[in-house]
Amino acid sequence: MPIPTTNRLARSGGDTERLACTYLQAEGLRLLEPNYRCRRGEIDLVMREGDTLVFVEVRFRASSRFGTPAETVNIHKQHRLAAAAAHYLRYHPTKLACRFDVIAVSGNNHINWIRNAFNVQ
């Protein structure tokens, strides 16, 4: 779904993450923490949707020639996200359910929001 708040193309990671955050906030999610970093990895956006804590990975690809943005969230990236989420939860305990979403942004700022994109063991 294209987002109407901008006519310019997202170029940097920060631009894409701001675009994704604005989109998700318009969809009712609340930002808790942008760019959570630890030694084990990084989570682009930590958000809350109702009774669910949402760890969001934002990916941008100007072209799908070498794969879509969502396809770049491979198993290695999923494990790094899970490790960073575990670290976040260690220091921010919660009883909320948790999930991993992916925001895939293509070259024309088309946003594909993949809820519960993957599960971790």
C-alpha atoms as a PDB file:
ATOM      1  CA  MET A   1       0.000   0.000   0.000  1.00  0.00           C
ATOM      2  CA  PRO A   2       1.584   3.339  -1.001  1.00  0.00           C
ATOM      3  CA  ILE A   3       1.865   5.867   1.790  1.00  0.00           C
ATOM      4  CA  PRO A   4       0.487   9.328   0.974  1.00  0.00           C
ATOM      5  CA  THR A   5       2.743  11.314   3.327  1.00  0.00           C
ATOM      6  CA  THR A   6       5.696  11.635   0.991  1.00  0.00           C
ATOM      7  CA  ASN A   7       6.412  12.007  -2.690  1.00  0.00           C
ATOM      8  CA  ARG A   8      10.136  11.474  -2.423  1.00  0.00           C
ATOM      9  CA  LEU A   9      11.818   8.156  -2.610  1.00  0.00           C
ATOM     10  CA  ALA A  10      13.267   6.734   0.607  1.00  0.00           C
ATOM     11  CA  ARG A  11      17.022   6.532   0.068  1.00  0.00           C
ATOM     12  CA  SER A  12      18.794   5.880   3.342  1.00  0.00           C
ATOM     13  CA  GLY A  13      18.028   3.357   6.033  1.00  0.00           C
ATOM     14  CA  GLY A  14      16.926   6.171   8.321  1.00  0.00           C
ATOM     15  CA  ASP A  15      14.549   7.540   5.682  1.00  0.00           C
ATOM     16  CA  THR A  16      13.046   4.116   5.125  1.00  0.00           C
ATOM     17  CA  GLU A  17      12.665   3.468   8.840  1.00  0.00           C
ATOM     18  CA  ARG A  18      10.955   6.848   9.336  1.00  0.00           C
ATOM     19  CA  LEU A  19       8.619   6.056   6.441  1.00  0.00           C
ATOM     20  CA  ALA A  20       7.815   2.644   7.956  1.00  0.00           C
ATOM     21  CA  CYS A  21       7.298   4.121  11.424  1.00  0.00           C
ATOM     22  CA  THR A  22       4.921   6.787  10.094  1.00  0.00           C
ATOM     23  CA  TYR A  23       3.001   4.117   8.208  1.00  0.00           C
ATOM     24  CA  LEU A  24       2.693   1.832  11.245  1.00  0.00           C
ATOM     25  CA  GLN A  25       1.685   4.702  13.522  1.00  0.00           C
ATOM     26  CA  ALA A  26      -1.061   5.597  11.023  1.00  0.00           C
ATOM     27  CA  GLU A  27      -2.164   1.957  11.322  1.00  0.00           C
ATOM     28  CA  GLY A  28      -2.467   2.316  15.101  1.00  0.00           C
ATOM     29  CA  LEU A  29       0.864   1.023  16.430  1.00  0.00           C
ATOM     30  CA  ARG A  30       2.744   2.981  19.083  1.00  0.00           C
ATOM     31  CA  LEU A  31       6.505   3.452  18.854  1.00  0.00           C
ATOM     32  CA  LEU A  32       8.342   2.335  21.971  1.00  0.00           C
ATOM     33  CA  GLU A  33      11.918   2.476  20.742  1.00  0.00           C
ATOM     34  CA  PRO A  34      13.595   3.114  17.386  1.00  0.00           C
ATOM     35  CA  ASN A  35      16.882   1.407  16.506  1.00  0.00           C
ATOM     36  CA  TYR A  36      17.352  -0.775  19.564  1.00  0.00           C
ATOM     37  CA  ARG A  37      20.975  -1.909  19.464  1.00  0.00           C
ATOM     38  CA  CYS A  38      22.902  -4.450  21.470  1.00  0.00           C
ATOM     39  CA  ARG A  39      25.942  -6.642  20.874  1.00  0.00           C
ATOM     40  CA  ARG A  40      23.730  -9.367  19.431  1.00  0.00           C
ATOM     41  CA  GLY A  41      22.037  -7.237  16.768  1.00  0.00           C
ATOM     42  CA  GLU A  42      19.644  -4.407  16.071  1.00  0.00           C
ATOM     43  CA  ILE A  43      15.881  -4.037  15.914  1.00  0.00           C
ATOM     44  CA  ASP A  44      14.751  -1.233  13.631  1.00  0.00           C
ATOM     45  CA  LEU A  45      11.507  -0.471  15.481  1.00  0.00           C
ATOM     46  CA  VAL A  46      10.057  -1.759  18.732  1.00  0.00           C
ATOM     47  CA  MET A  47       6.345  -0.997  18.714  1.00  0.00           C
ATOM     48  CA  ARG A  48       3.168  -1.935  20.496  1.00  0.00           C
ATOM     49  CA  GLU A  49      -0.102  -2.953  18.910  1.00  0.00           C
ATOM     50  CA  GLY A  50      -2.763  -3.521  21.550  1.00  0.00           C
ATOM     51  CA  ASP A  51      -1.586  -6.360  23.761  1.00  0.00           C
ATOM     52  CA  THR A  52       1.326  -7.279  21.494  1.00  0.00           C
ATOM     53  CA  LEU A  53       4.942  -6.149  21.483  1.00  0.00           C
ATOM     54  CA  VAL A  54       6.072  -5.932  17.862  1.00  0.00           C
ATOM     55  CA  PHE A  55       9.695  -6.155  16.737  1.00  0.00           C
ATOM     56  CA  VAL A  56       9.863  -4.637  13.253  1.00  0.00           C
ATOM     57  CA  GLU A  57      12.559  -5.207  10.654  1.00  0.00           C
ATOM     58  CA  VAL A  58      12.511  -2.609   7.876  1.00  0.00           C
ATOM     59  CA  ARG A  59      13.997  -3.536   4.495  1.00  0.00           C
ATOM     60  CA  PHE A  60      14.355  -1.423   1.344  1.00  0.00           C
ATOM     61  CA  ARG A  61      15.204  -2.444  -2.194  1.00  0.00           C
ATOM     62  CA  ALA A  62      15.195   0.008  -5.087  1.00  0.00           C
ATOM     63  CA  SER A  63      14.777  -2.928  -7.453  1.00  0.00           C
ATOM     64  CA  SER A  64      13.631  -6.513  -7.054  1.00  0.00           C
ATOM     65  CA  ARG A  65      16.210  -7.650  -9.607  1.00  0.00           C
ATOM     66  CA  PHE A  66      18.116  -9.544  -6.911  1.00  0.00           C
ATOM     67  CA  GLY A  67      15.115 -10.328  -4.724  1.00  0.00           C
ATOM     68  CA  THR A  68      12.393  -8.506  -2.902  1.00  0.00           C
ATOM     69  CA  PRO A  69      13.076  -6.603   0.312  1.00  0.00           C
ATOM     70  CA  ALA A  70      11.240  -9.267   2.337  1.00  0.00           C
ATOM     71  CA  GLU A  71      13.410 -12.021   0.861  1.00  0.00           C
ATOM     72  CA  THR A  72      16.492 -10.409   2.423  1.00  0.00           C
ATOM     73  CA  VAL A  73      15.260 -11.365   5.898  1.00  0.00           C
ATOM     74  CA  ASN A  74      16.923 -14.765   5.721  1.00  0.00           C
ATOM     75  CA  ILE A  75      17.341 -17.295   8.515  1.00  0.00           C
ATOM     76  CA  HIS A  76      20.620 -15.704   9.651  1.00  0.00           C
ATOM     77  CA  LYS A  77      18.919 -12.295   9.948  1.00  0.00           C
ATOM     78  CA  GLN A  78      15.977 -13.890  11.765  1.00  0.00           C
ATOM     79  CA  HIS A  79      18.326 -15.399  14.360  1.00  0.00           C
ATOM     80  CA  ARG A  80      20.053 -12.038  14.900  1.00  0.00           C
ATOM     81  CA  LEU A  81      16.669 -10.337  15.333  1.00  0.00           C
ATOM     82  CA  ALA A  82      15.567 -13.027  17.791  1.00  0.00           C
ATOM     83  CA  ALA A  83      18.785 -12.588  19.805  1.00  0.00           C
ATOM     84  CA  ALA A  84      18.333  -8.805  19.910  1.00  0.00           C
ATOM     85  CA  ALA A  85      14.678  -9.260  20.924  1.00  0.00           C
ATOM     86  CA  ALA A  86      15.712 -11.618  23.734  1.00  0.00           C
ATOM     87  CA  HIS A  87      18.174  -8.981  24.939  1.00  0.00           C
ATOM     88  CA  TYR A  88      15.471  -6.300  24.784  1.00  0.00           C
ATOM     89  CA  LEU A  89      13.079  -8.487  26.783  1.00  0.00           C
ATOM     90  CA  ARG A  90      15.743  -9.206  29.393  1.00  0.00           C
ATOM     91  CA  TYR A  91      15.977  -5.478  30.145  1.00  0.00           C
ATOM     92  CA  HIS A  92      12.336  -4.614  29.414  1.00  0.00           C
ATOM     93  CA  PRO A  93      10.345  -7.518  30.899  1.00  0.00           C
ATOM     94  CA  THR A  94       6.750  -7.794  29.745  1.00  0.00           C
ATOM     95  CA  LYS A  95       3.830 -10.168  29.810  1.00  0.00           C
ATOM     96  CA  LEU A  96       2.735  -9.020  26.369  1.00  0.00           C
ATOM     97  CA  ALA A  97       2.708 -11.437  23.464  1.00  0.00           C
ATOM     98  CA  CYS A  98       5.551 -10.774  21.011  1.00  0.00           C
ATOM     99  CA  ARG A  99       5.822 -11.038  17.260  1.00  0.00           C
ATOM    100  CA  PHE A 100       8.214 -10.205  14.439  1.00  0.00           C
ATOM    101  CA  ASP A 101       6.940  -8.101  11.542  1.00  0.00           C
ATOM    102  CA  VAL A 102       8.718  -7.060   8.368  1.00  0.00           C
ATOM    103  CA  ILE A 103       8.105  -3.820   6.521  1.00  0.00           C
ATOM    104  CA  ALA A 104       9.329  -4.293   2.956  1.00  0.00           C
ATOM    105  CA  VAL A 105       9.663  -1.047   0.993  1.00  0.00           C
ATOM    106  CA  SER A 106      10.231  -1.164  -2.741  1.00  0.00           C
ATOM    107  CA  GLY A 107      11.758   1.511  -4.946  1.00  0.00           C
ATOM    108  CA  ASN A 108       8.526   3.416  -5.466  1.00  0.00           C
ATOM    109  CA  ASN A 109       7.865   3.578  -1.686  1.00  0.00           C
ATOM    110  CA  HIS A 110       5.355   0.766  -1.945  1.00  0.00           C
ATOM    111  CA  ILE A 111       5.010  -0.703   1.533  1.00  0.00           C
ATOM    112  CA  ASN A 112       4.335  -4.370   2.171  1.00  0.00           C
ATOM    113  CA  TRP A 113       3.621  -5.016   5.863  1.00  0.00           C
ATOM    114  CA  ILE A 114       4.148  -8.656   6.733  1.00  0.00           C
ATOM    115  CA  ARG A 115       2.693  -9.339  10.162  1.00  0.00           C
ATOM    116  CA  ASN A 116       4.112 -12.260  12.103  1.00  0.00           C
ATOM    117  CA  ALA A 117       6.686 -12.690   9.340  1.00  0.00           C
ATOM    118  CA  PHE A 118       8.525 -15.473  11.132  1.00  0.00           C
ATOM    119  CA  ASN A 119       8.581 -17.424  14.380  1.00  0.00           C
ATOM    120  CA  VAL A 120      11.572 -18.286  16.479  1.00  0.00           C
ATOM    121  CA  GLN A 121      12.177 -21.294  18.685  1.00  0.00           C
END
